[in-house]
PDB file of N, CA and C in Angstrom:
ATOM      1  N   MET A   1       4.084  -3.267  25.229  1.00  0.00           N
ATOM      2  CA  MET A   1       3.238  -3.861  24.200  1.00  0.00           C
ATOM      3  C   MET A   1       3.985  -3.863  22.869  1.00  0.00           C
ATOM      4  N   ARG A   2       3.876  -4.935  22.159  1.00  0.00           N
ATOM      5  CA  ARG A   2       4.456  -5.022  20.815  1.00  0.00           C
ATOM      6  C   ARG A   2       3.392  -4.547  19.831  1.00  0.00           C
ATOM      7  N   LEU A   3       3.239  -3.252  19.750  1.00  0.00           N
ATOM      8  CA  LEU A   3       2.197  -2.651  18.932  1.00  0.00           C
ATOM      9  C   LEU A   3       2.314  -3.061  17.469  1.00  0.00           C
ATOM     10  N   GLN A   4       3.520  -3.093  16.928  1.00  0.00           N
ATOM     11  CA  GLN A   4       3.686  -3.439  15.517  1.00  0.00           C
ATOM     12  C   GLN A   4       3.259  -4.889  15.246  1.00  0.00           C
ATOM     13  N   LEU A   5       3.543  -5.776  16.179  1.00  0.00           N
ATOM     14  CA  LEU A   5       3.128  -7.174  16.025  1.00  0.00           C
ATOM     15  C   LEU A   5       1.602  -7.263  16.003  1.00  0.00           C
ATOM     16  N   LYS A   6       0.958  -6.545  16.897  1.00  0.00           N
ATOM     17  CA  LYS A   6      -0.507  -6.539  16.944  1.00  0.00           C
ATOM     18  C   LYS A   6      -1.083  -5.950  15.653  1.00  0.00           C
ATOM     19  N   LEU A   7      -0.510  -4.838  15.200  1.00  0.00           N
ATOM     20  CA  LEU A   7      -0.992  -4.223  13.968  1.00  0.00           C
ATOM     21  C   LEU A   7      -0.792  -5.139  12.766  1.00  0.00           C
ATOM     22  N   PHE A   8       0.315  -5.864  12.752  1.00  0.00           N
ATOM     23  CA  PHE A   8       0.565  -6.815  11.675  1.00  0.00           C
ATOM     24  C   PHE A   8      -0.512  -7.898  11.679  1.00  0.00           C
ATOM     25  N   ARG A   9      -0.815  -8.438  12.861  1.00  0.00           N
ATOM     26  CA  ARG A   9      -1.858  -9.471  12.973  1.00  0.00           C
ATOM     27  C   ARG A   9      -3.204  -8.937  12.504  1.00  0.00           C
ATOM     28  N   ILE A  10      -3.541  -7.741  12.938  1.00  0.00           N
ATOM     29  CA  ILE A  10      -4.819  -7.133  12.555  1.00  0.00           C
ATOM     30  C   ILE A  10      -4.875  -6.898  11.044  1.00  0.00           C
ATOM     31  N   SER A  11      -3.733  -6.512  10.453  1.00  0.00           N
ATOM     32  CA  SER A  11      -3.696  -6.284   8.998  1.00  0.00           C
ATOM     33  C   SER A  11      -3.990  -7.572   8.227  1.00  0.00           C
ATOM     34  N   LYS A  12      -3.735  -8.703   8.854  1.00  0.00           N
ATOM     35  CA  LYS A  12      -4.035 -10.001   8.245  1.00  0.00           C
ATOM     36  C   LYS A  12      -5.468 -10.437   8.534  1.00  0.00           C
ATOM     37  N   LYS A  13      -6.204  -9.578   9.273  1.00  0.00           N
ATOM     38  CA  LYS A  13      -7.607  -9.849   9.630  1.00  0.00           C
ATOM     39  C   LYS A  13      -7.756 -11.170  10.375  1.00  0.00           C
ATOM     40  N   MET A  14      -6.868 -11.345  11.371  1.00  0.00           N
ATOM     41  CA  MET A  14      -6.868 -12.585  12.138  1.00  0.00           C
ATOM     42  C   MET A  14      -7.014 -12.288  13.626  1.00  0.00           C
ATOM     43  N   THR A  15      -7.714 -13.183  14.320  1.00  0.00           N
ATOM     44  CA  THR A  15      -7.766 -13.115  15.775  1.00  0.00           C
ATOM     45  C   THR A  15      -6.439 -13.628  16.316  1.00  0.00           C
ATOM     46  N   GLN A  16      -6.216 -13.438  17.602  1.00  0.00           N
ATOM     47  CA  GLN A  16      -5.000 -13.986  18.210  1.00  0.00           C
ATOM     48  C   GLN A  16      -4.951 -15.500  18.040  1.00  0.00           C
ATOM     49  N   GLY A  17      -6.084 -16.156  18.221  1.00  0.00           N
ATOM     50  CA  GLY A  17      -6.143 -17.606  18.093  1.00  0.00           C
ATOM     51  C   GLY A  17      -5.824 -18.075  16.682  1.00  0.00           C
ATOM     52  N   GLU A  18      -6.402 -17.413  15.689  1.00  0.00           N
ATOM     53  CA  GLU A  18      -6.146 -17.770  14.292  1.00  0.00           C
ATOM     54  C   GLU A  18      -4.675 -17.558  13.937  1.00  0.00           C
ATOM     55  N   PHE A  19      -4.134 -16.428  14.398  1.00  0.00           N
ATOM     56  CA  PHE A  19      -2.747 -16.089  14.113  1.00  0.00           C
ATOM     57  C   PHE A  19      -1.812 -17.101  14.755  1.00  0.00           C
ATOM     58  N   ALA A  20      -2.074 -17.416  16.015  1.00  0.00           N
ATOM     59  CA  ALA A  20      -1.250 -18.391  16.735  1.00  0.00           C
ATOM     60  C   ALA A  20      -1.303 -19.755  16.047  1.00  0.00           C
ATOM     61  N   ASP A  21      -2.499 -20.190  15.645  1.00  0.00           N
ATOM     62  CA  ASP A  21      -2.636 -21.471  14.942  1.00  0.00           C
ATOM     63  C   ASP A  21      -1.861 -21.473  13.631  1.00  0.00           C
ATOM     64  N   LYS A  22      -1.922 -20.368  12.917  1.00  0.00           N
ATOM     65  CA  LYS A  22      -1.250 -20.257  11.618  1.00  0.00           C
ATOM     66  C   LYS A  22       0.265 -20.440  11.750  1.00  0.00           C
ATOM     67  N   ILE A  23       0.837 -19.896  12.835  1.00  0.00           N
ATOM     68  CA  ILE A  23       2.289 -20.024  13.001  1.00  0.00           C
ATOM     69  C   ILE A  23       2.664 -21.186  13.927  1.00  0.00           C
ATOM     70  N   GLY A  24       1.651 -21.911  14.404  1.00  0.00           N
ATOM     71  CA  GLY A  24       1.907 -23.134  15.168  1.00  0.00           C
ATOM     72  C   GLY A  24       2.337 -22.920  16.603  1.00  0.00           C
ATOM     73  N   VAL A  25       1.747 -21.915  17.261  1.00  0.00           N
ATOM     74  CA  VAL A  25       2.053 -21.682  18.672  1.00  0.00           C
ATOM     75  C   VAL A  25       0.768 -21.640  19.485  1.00  0.00           C
ATOM     76  N   ASN A  26       0.904 -21.771  20.779  1.00  0.00           N
ATOM     77  CA  ASN A  26      -0.214 -21.712  21.709  1.00  0.00           C
ATOM     78  C   ASN A  26      -0.763 -20.283  21.765  1.00  0.00           C
ATOM     79  N   ARG A  27      -2.094 -20.126  21.737  1.00  0.00           N
ATOM     80  CA  ARG A  27      -2.700 -18.807  21.734  1.00  0.00           C
ATOM     81  C   ARG A  27      -2.345 -18.001  22.974  1.00  0.00           C
ATOM     82  N   ALA A  28      -2.338 -18.650  24.132  1.00  0.00           N
ATOM     83  CA  ALA A  28      -2.020 -17.939  25.376  1.00  0.00           C
ATOM     84  C   ALA A  28      -0.582 -17.408  25.341  1.00  0.00           C
ATOM     85  N   ASN A  29       0.342 -18.219  24.838  1.00  0.00           N
ATOM     86  CA  ASN A  29       1.726 -17.759  24.727  1.00  0.00           C
ATOM     87  C   ASN A  29       1.832 -16.609  23.732  1.00  0.00           C
ATOM     88  N   TYR A  30       1.133 -16.740  22.604  1.00  0.00           N
ATOM     89  CA  TYR A  30       1.156 -15.663  21.614  1.00  0.00           C
ATOM     90  C   TYR A  30       0.639 -14.370  22.231  1.00  0.00           C
ATOM     91  N   SER A  31      -0.447 -14.455  22.969  1.00  0.00           N
ATOM     92  CA  SER A  31      -1.024 -13.274  23.609  1.00  0.00           C
ATOM     93  C   SER A  31      -0.012 -12.583  24.525  1.00  0.00           C
ATOM     94  N   MET A  32       0.720 -13.368  25.287  1.00  0.00           N
ATOM     95  CA  MET A  32       1.731 -12.810  26.189  1.00  0.00           C
ATOM     96  C   MET A  32       2.849 -12.122  25.401  1.00  0.00           C
ATOM     97  N   ILE A  33       3.230 -12.695  24.264  1.00  0.00           N
ATOM     98  CA  ILE A  33       4.266 -12.087  23.421  1.00  0.00           C
ATOM     99  C   ILE A  33       3.747 -10.779  22.836  1.00  0.00           C
ATOM    100  N   GLU A  34       2.529 -10.794  22.324  1.00  0.00           N
ATOM    101  CA  GLU A  34       1.951  -9.595  21.723  1.00  0.00           C
ATOM    102  C   GLU A  34       1.820  -8.467  22.751  1.00  0.00           C
ATOM    103  N   LYS A  35       1.519  -8.824  23.984  1.00  0.00           N
ATOM    104  CA  LYS A  35       1.374  -7.820  25.047  1.00  0.00           C
ATOM    105  C   LYS A  35       2.709  -7.378  25.620  1.00  0.00           C
ATOM    106  N   GLY A  36       3.800  -8.016  25.207  1.00  0.00           N
ATOM    107  CA  GLY A  36       5.124  -7.654  25.701  1.00  0.00           C
ATOM    108  C   GLY A  36       5.433  -8.226  27.068  1.00  0.00           C
ATOM    109  N   LYS A  37       4.623  -9.174  27.524  1.00  0.00           N
ATOM    110  CA  LYS A  37       4.841  -9.787  28.833  1.00  0.00           C
ATOM    111  C   LYS A  37       5.754 -11.002  28.764  1.00  0.00           C
ATOM    112  N   ARG A  38       6.029 -11.445  27.554  1.00  0.00           N
ATOM    113  CA  ARG A  38       6.916 -12.585  27.339  1.00  0.00           C
ATOM    114  C   ARG A  38       7.667 -12.333  26.034  1.00  0.00           C
ATOM    115  N   ASN A  39       8.915 -12.742  26.008  1.00  0.00           N
ATOM    116  CA  ASN A  39       9.694 -12.633  24.779  1.00  0.00           C
ATOM    117  C   ASN A  39       9.481 -13.876  23.947  1.00  0.00           C
ATOM    118  N   GLY A  40       9.350 -13.682  22.660  1.00  0.00           N
ATOM    119  CA  GLY A  40       9.249 -14.829  21.776  1.00  0.00           C
ATOM    120  C   GLY A  40      10.613 -15.480  21.609  1.00  0.00           C
ATOM    121  N   THR A  41      10.617 -16.776  21.424  1.00  0.00           N
ATOM    122  CA  THR A  41      11.868 -17.495  21.198  1.00  0.00           C
ATOM    123  C   THR A  41      12.307 -17.286  19.747  1.00  0.00           C
ATOM    124  N   ILE A  42      13.525 -17.681  19.465  1.00  0.00           N
ATOM    125  CA  ILE A  42      14.023 -17.639  18.090  1.00  0.00           C
ATOM    126  C   ILE A  42      13.126 -18.485  17.188  1.00  0.00           C
ATOM    127  N   VAL A  43      12.683 -19.618  17.708  1.00  0.00           N
ATOM    128  CA  VAL A  43      11.797 -20.501  16.947  1.00  0.00           C
ATOM    129  C   VAL A  43      10.500 -19.765  16.601  1.00  0.00           C
ATOM    130  N   PHE A  44       9.914 -19.058  17.573  1.00  0.00           N
ATOM    131  CA  PHE A  44       8.686 -18.298  17.345  1.00  0.00           C
ATOM    132  C   PHE A  44       8.878 -17.284  16.227  1.00  0.00           C
ATOM    133  N   TRP A  45       9.944 -16.465  16.334  1.00  0.00           N
ATOM    134  CA  TRP A  45      10.167 -15.407  15.349  1.00  0.00           C
ATOM    135  C   TRP A  45      10.480 -15.985  13.976  1.00  0.00           C
ATOM    136  N   ASN A  46      11.198 -17.091  13.925  1.00  0.00           N
ATOM    137  CA  ASN A  46      11.483 -17.735  12.637  1.00  0.00           C
ATOM    138  C   ASN A  46      10.215 -18.287  11.994  1.00  0.00           C
ATOM    139  N   LYS A  47       9.334 -18.889  12.817  1.00  0.00           N
ATOM    140  CA  LYS A  47       8.058 -19.395  12.281  1.00  0.00           C
ATOM    141  C   LYS A  47       7.234 -18.243  11.718  1.00  0.00           C
ATOM    142  N   LEU A  48       7.191 -17.139  12.438  1.00  0.00           N
ATOM    143  CA  LEU A  48       6.446 -15.967  11.995  1.00  0.00           C
ATOM    144  C   LEU A  48       7.004 -15.458  10.673  1.00  0.00           C
ATOM    145  N   LYS A  49       8.316 -15.326  10.607  1.00  0.00           N
ATOM    146  CA  LYS A  49       8.979 -14.826   9.400  1.00  0.00           C
ATOM    147  C   LYS A  49       8.718 -15.737   8.203  1.00  0.00           C
ATOM    148  N   GLU A  50       8.849 -17.031   8.398  1.00  0.00           N
ATOM    149  CA  GLU A  50       8.665 -17.987   7.308  1.00  0.00           C
ATOM    150  C   GLU A  50       7.208 -18.082   6.863  1.00  0.00           C
ATOM    151  N   THR A  51       6.289 -18.097   7.807  1.00  0.00           N
ATOM    152  CA  THR A  51       4.869 -18.241   7.499  1.00  0.00           C
ATOM    153  C   THR A  51       4.356 -17.085   6.653  1.00  0.00           C
ATOM    154  N   PHE A  52       4.791 -15.870   6.991  1.00  0.00           N
ATOM    155  CA  PHE A  52       4.275 -14.688   6.304  1.00  0.00           C
ATOM    156  C   PHE A  52       5.288 -14.056   5.346  1.00  0.00           C
ATOM    157  N   ASN A  53       6.429 -14.731   5.122  1.00  0.00           N
ATOM    158  CA  ASN A  53       7.463 -14.208   4.212  1.00  0.00           C
ATOM    159  C   ASN A  53       7.819 -12.753   4.530  1.00  0.00           C
ATOM    160  N   ILE A  54       8.161 -12.515   5.781  1.00  0.00           N
ATOM    161  CA  ILE A  54       8.441 -11.161   6.264  1.00  0.00           C
ATOM    162  C   ILE A  54       9.909 -10.817   6.014  1.00  0.00           C
ATOM    163  N   PRO A  55      10.174  -9.652   5.387  1.00  0.00           N
ATOM    164  CA  PRO A  55      11.560  -9.218   5.181  1.00  0.00           C
ATOM    165  C   PRO A  55      12.263  -8.953   6.515  1.00  0.00           C
ATOM    166  N   GLU A  56      13.581  -9.119   6.502  1.00  0.00           N
ATOM    167  CA  GLU A  56      14.398  -8.968   7.712  1.00  0.00           C
ATOM    168  C   GLU A  56      14.170  -7.624   8.411  1.00  0.00           C
ATOM    169  N   ASP A  57      14.152  -6.525   7.659  1.00  0.00           N
ATOM    170  CA  ASP A  57      13.994  -5.209   8.279  1.00  0.00           C
ATOM    171  C   ASP A  57      12.633  -5.051   8.956  1.00  0.00           C
ATOM    172  N   GLN A  58      11.600  -5.638   8.387  1.00  0.00           N
ATOM    173  CA  GLN A  58      10.273  -5.575   9.011  1.00  0.00           C
ATOM    174  C   GLN A  58      10.232  -6.430  10.269  1.00  0.00           C
ATOM    175  N   MET A  59      10.974  -7.529  10.291  1.00  0.00           N
ATOM    176  CA  MET A  59      11.012  -8.398  11.474  1.00  0.00           C
ATOM    177  C   MET A  59      11.514  -7.638  12.693  1.00  0.00           C
ATOM    178  N   TRP A  60      12.537  -6.812  12.518  1.00  0.00           N
ATOM    179  CA  TRP A  60      13.069  -6.051  13.656  1.00  0.00           C
ATOM    180  C   TRP A  60      11.995  -5.156  14.254  1.00  0.00           C
ATOM    181  N   SER A  61      11.183  -4.570  13.402  1.00  0.00           N
ATOM    182  CA  SER A  61      10.098  -3.709  13.878  1.00  0.00           C
ATOM    183  C   SER A  61       9.069  -4.526  14.672  1.00  0.00           C
ATOM    184  N   LEU A  62       8.732  -5.719  14.177  1.00  0.00           N
ATOM    185  CA  LEU A  62       7.749  -6.564  14.860  1.00  0.00           C
ATOM    186  C   LEU A  62       8.280  -7.078  16.197  1.00  0.00           C
ATOM    187  N   MET A  63       9.588  -7.289  16.274  1.00  0.00           N
ATOM    188  CA  MET A  63      10.195  -7.844  17.479  1.00  0.00           C
ATOM    189  C   MET A  63      10.365  -6.808  18.591  1.00  0.00           C
ATOM    190  N   LYS A  64      10.368  -5.546  18.225  1.00  0.00           N
ATOM    191  CA  LYS A  64      10.623  -4.486  19.200  1.00  0.00           C
ATOM    192  C   LYS A  64       9.456  -4.360  20.181  1.00  0.00           C
ATOM    193  N   ASN A  65       9.790  -4.316  21.462  1.00  0.00           N
ATOM    194  CA  ASN A  65       8.801  -4.104  22.511  1.00  0.00           C
ATOM    195  C   ASN A  65       8.643  -2.596  22.685  1.00  0.00           C
ATOM    196  N   GLU A  66       7.477  -2.048  22.424  1.00  0.00           N
ATOM    197  CA  GLU A  66       7.243  -0.605  22.443  1.00  0.00           C
ATOM    198  C   GLU A  66       7.482   0.029  23.817  1.00  0.00           C
ATOM    199  N   GLU A  67       7.441  -0.753  24.891  1.00  0.00           N
ATOM    200  CA  GLU A  67       7.607  -0.199  26.234  1.00  0.00           C
ATOM    201  C   GLU A  67       9.065  -0.164  26.670  1.00  0.00           C
ATOM    202  N   GLU A  68       9.982  -0.653  25.839  1.00  0.00           N
ATOM    203  CA  GLU A  68      11.398  -0.679  26.212  1.00  0.00           C
ATOM    204  C   GLU A  68      11.960   0.726  26.245  1.00  0.00           C
TER     205      GLU A  68
END
């Protein structure tokens, strides 16, 4: 599970659907990424970073799969 990604989404007070729409991805795909069942593409992570103006060091934390 990408716990930090989920916590980041929750800190924005957004559902998975709202969050996925905001960054322009499919909700089902976002859910799989958040659960650690699918890796996000470079495009996904770049959209996330740009949409929320996330610093590089924080991005690494969000990208880390907690079960690794």
